Amino acid sequence: MPERVGRATSSAVLDPVPLCAALSEPMRWQILEVLGSRDASASDLARELPISRQAIAKHLAQLEAVGLVEPVPDGRAIRYRALGARLGMLADRLEAVGRGWDRRLARLADVAERLDAE
């Protein structure tokens, strides 16, 4: 089970592996898409998505464990809110990896061009 991540650790170095593992499930992406537009309870999500409220609750627990959603008490209900900051941090890490590969490929292209010129 991934380590629970709270707001206190949001400035810590992001470990992308638990986030990517949580996001590897397509239904979790659908849940995040809904929560990205509005807060919703597990029951609200179950009415919109093709799985049970219990399955939604399990997915929400996984997303909460990696800091992608947070519960928000609303009277007797619990609504969930997407936390975009963690996704932004993941996007930044992935962008950095992509820039590294771009640099490597540019160096390889330079070497290949020099060899062709010789």
Foldseek 3Di string as FASTA:
>chain_A
DAAADDPVCLVPQDDCVLVVVLVVDPVLVVVLVVLAVHWAFLVRVVVVDVDDSVVSVVSVVSCRRRPQKDWDDDPPTTIIHGDCSSVVSSVVVVVVVVVVVVVVVVVVVVVVVVVVVD
